[in-house]
Amino acid sequence: MIPVQYRDAESEELLEHGYEAAAPEIGSRVGIGFKEYEVLYRWRCVPTSCIVYVRRADSLEKSRAV
């Protein structure tokens, strides 16, 4: 298990933290609370911890529709 912090890519606000079996892949979607987020990038991802930057998946869908 690896400690993972999920942060908002724009504000760097900590959205959630916990333990995962592996670090989430870039481009994958993760559920945080009742919302879905897309993994944009990982920072300082080492065997002992990982910081993952995400953005709301629904904002991604809106930007593609325009």
N, C-alpha and C. Protein backbone atom coordinates (compact mmCIF):
# COMPACT_ATOMS: atom_id res chain seq x y z
N MET A 1 0.84 -1.19 0.00
CA MET A 1 0.00 0.00 0.00
C MET A 1 0.88 1.25 0.00
N ILE A 2 0.46 2.22 -0.76
CA ILE A 2 1.22 3.47 -0.90
C ILE A 2 0.31 4.64 -0.49
N PRO A 3 0.82 5.57 0.32
CA PRO A 3 0.02 6.75 0.66
C PRO A 3 -0.11 7.67 -0.56
N VAL A 4 -1.34 8.08 -0.85
CA VAL A 4 -1.60 8.92 -2.02
C VAL A 4 -2.38 10.15 -1.57
N GLN A 5 -1.95 11.33 -2.04
CA GLN A 5 -2.69 12.57 -1.84
C GLN A 5 -3.26 12.98 -3.19
N TYR A 6 -4.55 13.29 -3.21
CA TYR A 6 -5.18 13.80 -4.42
C TYR A 6 -5.35 15.30 -4.24
N ARG A 7 -4.80 16.08 -5.20
CA ARG A 7 -4.87 17.54 -5.12
C ARG A 7 -5.48 18.11 -6.39
N ASP A 8 -6.20 19.22 -6.24
CA ASP A 8 -6.76 19.93 -7.37
C ASP A 8 -5.61 20.55 -8.17
N ALA A 9 -5.59 20.36 -9.47
CA ALA A 9 -4.48 20.83 -10.30
C ALA A 9 -4.39 22.35 -10.37
N GLU A 10 -5.51 23.06 -10.23
CA GLU A 10 -5.50 24.52 -10.32
C GLU A 10 -5.19 25.19 -8.99
N SER A 11 -5.84 24.72 -7.93
CA SER A 11 -5.69 25.39 -6.63
C SER A 11 -4.72 24.69 -5.68
N GLU A 12 -4.33 23.47 -6.01
CA GLU A 12 -3.49 22.62 -5.16
C GLU A 12 -4.16 22.25 -3.85
N GLU A 13 -5.47 22.45 -3.77
CA GLU A 13 -6.24 22.07 -2.59
C GLU A 13 -6.20 20.56 -2.41
N LEU A 14 -5.99 20.11 -1.20
CA LEU A 14 -6.00 18.69 -0.89
C LEU A 14 -7.44 18.20 -0.92
N LEU A 15 -7.77 17.30 -1.83
CA LEU A 15 -9.12 16.79 -1.98
C LEU A 15 -9.35 15.54 -1.15
N GLU A 16 -8.35 14.68 -1.10
CA GLU A 16 -8.47 13.43 -0.35
C GLU A 16 -7.09 12.82 -0.20
N HIS A 17 -6.93 12.03 0.83
CA HIS A 17 -5.69 11.27 0.99
C HIS A 17 -6.05 9.91 1.58
N GLY A 18 -5.21 8.96 1.28
CA GLY A 18 -5.45 7.60 1.76
C GLY A 18 -4.39 6.67 1.22
N TYR A 19 -4.68 5.39 1.28
CA TYR A 19 -3.74 4.37 0.82
C TYR A 19 -4.32 3.64 -0.38
N GLU A 20 -3.49 3.43 -1.38
CA GLU A 20 -3.87 2.72 -2.60
C GLU A 20 -2.91 1.56 -2.82
N ALA A 21 -3.35 0.56 -3.55
CA ALA A 21 -2.48 -0.57 -3.88
C ALA A 21 -1.35 -0.14 -4.80
N ALA A 22 -1.64 0.82 -5.69
CA ALA A 22 -0.64 1.35 -6.62
C ALA A 22 -1.01 2.79 -6.94
N ALA A 23 -0.07 3.55 -7.46
CA ALA A 23 -0.33 4.93 -7.85
C ALA A 23 -1.25 4.95 -9.07
N PRO A 24 -2.24 5.82 -9.10
CA PRO A 24 -3.15 5.89 -10.25
C PRO A 24 -2.40 6.30 -11.52
N GLU A 25 -2.79 5.73 -12.64
CA GLU A 25 -2.17 6.03 -13.92
C GLU A 25 -2.64 7.38 -14.44
N ILE A 26 -1.75 8.10 -15.13
CA ILE A 26 -2.11 9.37 -15.75
C ILE A 26 -3.17 9.11 -16.81
N GLY A 27 -4.22 9.92 -16.80
CA GLY A 27 -5.32 9.75 -17.75
C GLY A 27 -6.46 8.91 -17.22
N SER A 28 -6.23 8.20 -16.12
CA SER A 28 -7.30 7.38 -15.56
C SER A 28 -8.27 8.26 -14.78
N ARG A 29 -9.42 7.71 -14.45
CA ARG A 29 -10.42 8.44 -13.67
C ARG A 29 -10.52 7.82 -12.29
N VAL A 30 -10.69 8.70 -11.31
CA VAL A 30 -10.80 8.25 -9.92
C VAL A 30 -12.02 8.92 -9.29
N GLY A 31 -12.65 8.22 -8.39
CA GLY A 31 -13.78 8.77 -7.66
C GLY A 31 -13.29 9.35 -6.34
N ILE A 32 -13.61 10.61 -6.11
CA ILE A 32 -13.27 11.27 -4.85
C ILE A 32 -14.57 11.84 -4.33
N GLY A 33 -15.01 11.33 -3.20
CA GLY A 33 -16.34 11.71 -2.71
C GLY A 33 -17.38 11.21 -3.68
N PHE A 34 -18.28 12.10 -4.10
CA PHE A 34 -19.32 11.72 -5.06
C PHE A 34 -19.01 12.23 -6.46
N LYS A 35 -17.79 12.69 -6.68
CA LYS A 35 -17.41 13.27 -7.97
C LYS A 35 -16.34 12.43 -8.64
N GLU A 36 -16.25 12.56 -9.96
CA GLU A 36 -15.25 11.84 -10.72
C GLU A 36 -14.18 12.82 -11.21
N TYR A 37 -12.93 12.42 -11.10
CA TYR A 37 -11.79 13.25 -11.48
C TYR A 37 -10.90 12.49 -12.45
N GLU A 38 -10.18 13.25 -13.29
CA GLU A 38 -9.20 12.67 -14.19
C GLU A 38 -7.81 12.97 -13.64
N VAL A 39 -6.94 11.96 -13.65
CA VAL A 39 -5.57 12.13 -13.18
C VAL A 39 -4.77 12.84 -14.28
N LEU A 40 -4.22 14.02 -13.95
CA LEU A 40 -3.45 14.79 -14.92
C LEU A 40 -1.97 14.46 -14.85
N TYR A 41 -1.42 14.45 -13.65
CA TYR A 41 -0.02 14.09 -13.49
C TYR A 41 0.25 13.71 -12.04
N ARG A 42 1.41 13.08 -11.86
CA ARG A 42 1.83 12.67 -10.52
C ARG A 42 3.13 13.39 -10.20
N TRP A 43 3.30 13.73 -8.94
CA TRP A 43 4.48 14.46 -8.51
C TRP A 43 5.12 13.72 -7.35
N ARG A 44 6.44 13.58 -7.40
CA ARG A 44 7.18 12.88 -6.35
C ARG A 44 6.57 11.52 -6.02
N CYS A 45 6.32 10.78 -7.06
CA CYS A 45 5.74 9.46 -6.90
C CYS A 45 6.87 8.46 -6.69
N VAL A 46 7.05 8.05 -5.45
CA VAL A 46 8.09 7.10 -5.06
C VAL A 46 7.42 5.96 -4.32
N PRO A 47 8.13 4.89 -4.02
CA PRO A 47 7.49 3.76 -3.34
C PRO A 47 6.86 4.09 -1.99
N THR A 48 7.25 5.22 -1.38
CA THR A 48 6.71 5.52 -0.05
C THR A 48 5.57 6.54 -0.06
N SER A 49 5.36 7.27 -1.17
CA SER A 49 4.24 8.22 -1.24
C SER A 49 4.08 8.75 -2.67
N CYS A 50 2.91 9.37 -2.91
CA CYS A 50 2.64 9.91 -4.23
C CYS A 50 1.64 11.06 -4.11
N ILE A 51 1.90 12.15 -4.81
CA ILE A 51 0.96 13.26 -4.89
C ILE A 51 0.40 13.25 -6.30
N VAL A 52 -0.92 13.18 -6.40
CA VAL A 52 -1.59 13.06 -7.69
C VAL A 52 -2.44 14.30 -7.92
N TYR A 53 -2.23 14.96 -9.06
CA TYR A 53 -3.01 16.15 -9.40
C TYR A 53 -4.13 15.76 -10.35
N VAL A 54 -5.33 16.24 -10.05
CA VAL A 54 -6.53 15.85 -10.79
C VAL A 54 -7.36 17.07 -11.16
N ARG A 55 -8.30 16.87 -12.10
CA ARG A 55 -9.31 17.88 -12.39
C ARG A 55 -10.65 17.16 -12.53
N ARG A 56 -11.71 17.92 -12.28
CA ARG A 56 -13.04 17.34 -12.36
C ARG A 56 -13.30 16.81 -13.75
N ALA A 57 -13.83 15.62 -13.84
CA ALA A 57 -14.09 14.99 -15.13
C ALA A 57 -15.20 15.71 -15.88
N ASP A 58 -16.20 16.27 -15.17
CA ASP A 58 -17.28 16.96 -15.88
C ASP A 58 -16.79 18.25 -16.52
N SER A 59 -15.78 18.92 -15.95
CA SER A 59 -15.22 20.11 -16.59
C SER A 59 -14.47 19.73 -17.86
N LEU A 60 -13.90 18.55 -17.87
CA LEU A 60 -13.23 18.04 -19.07
C LEU A 60 -14.25 17.81 -20.18
N GLU A 61 -15.39 17.24 -19.85
CA GLU A 61 -16.43 16.98 -20.85
C GLU A 61 -16.98 18.29 -21.41
N LYS A 62 -17.14 19.31 -20.57
CA LYS A 62 -17.65 20.61 -21.03
C LYS A 62 -16.66 21.26 -21.99
N SER A 63 -15.35 21.16 -21.70
CA SER A 63 -14.37 21.80 -22.58
C SER A 63 -14.28 21.09 -23.93
N ARG A 64 -14.54 19.81 -23.97
CA ARG A 64 -14.54 19.09 -25.25
C ARG A 64 -15.76 19.39 -26.08
N ALA A 65 -16.86 19.76 -25.42
CA ALA A 65 -18.12 20.03 -26.13
C ALA A 65 -18.08 21.38 -26.85
N VAL A 66 -17.22 22.27 -26.42
CA VAL A 66 -17.19 23.63 -27.00
C VAL A 66 -16.43 23.64 -28.30
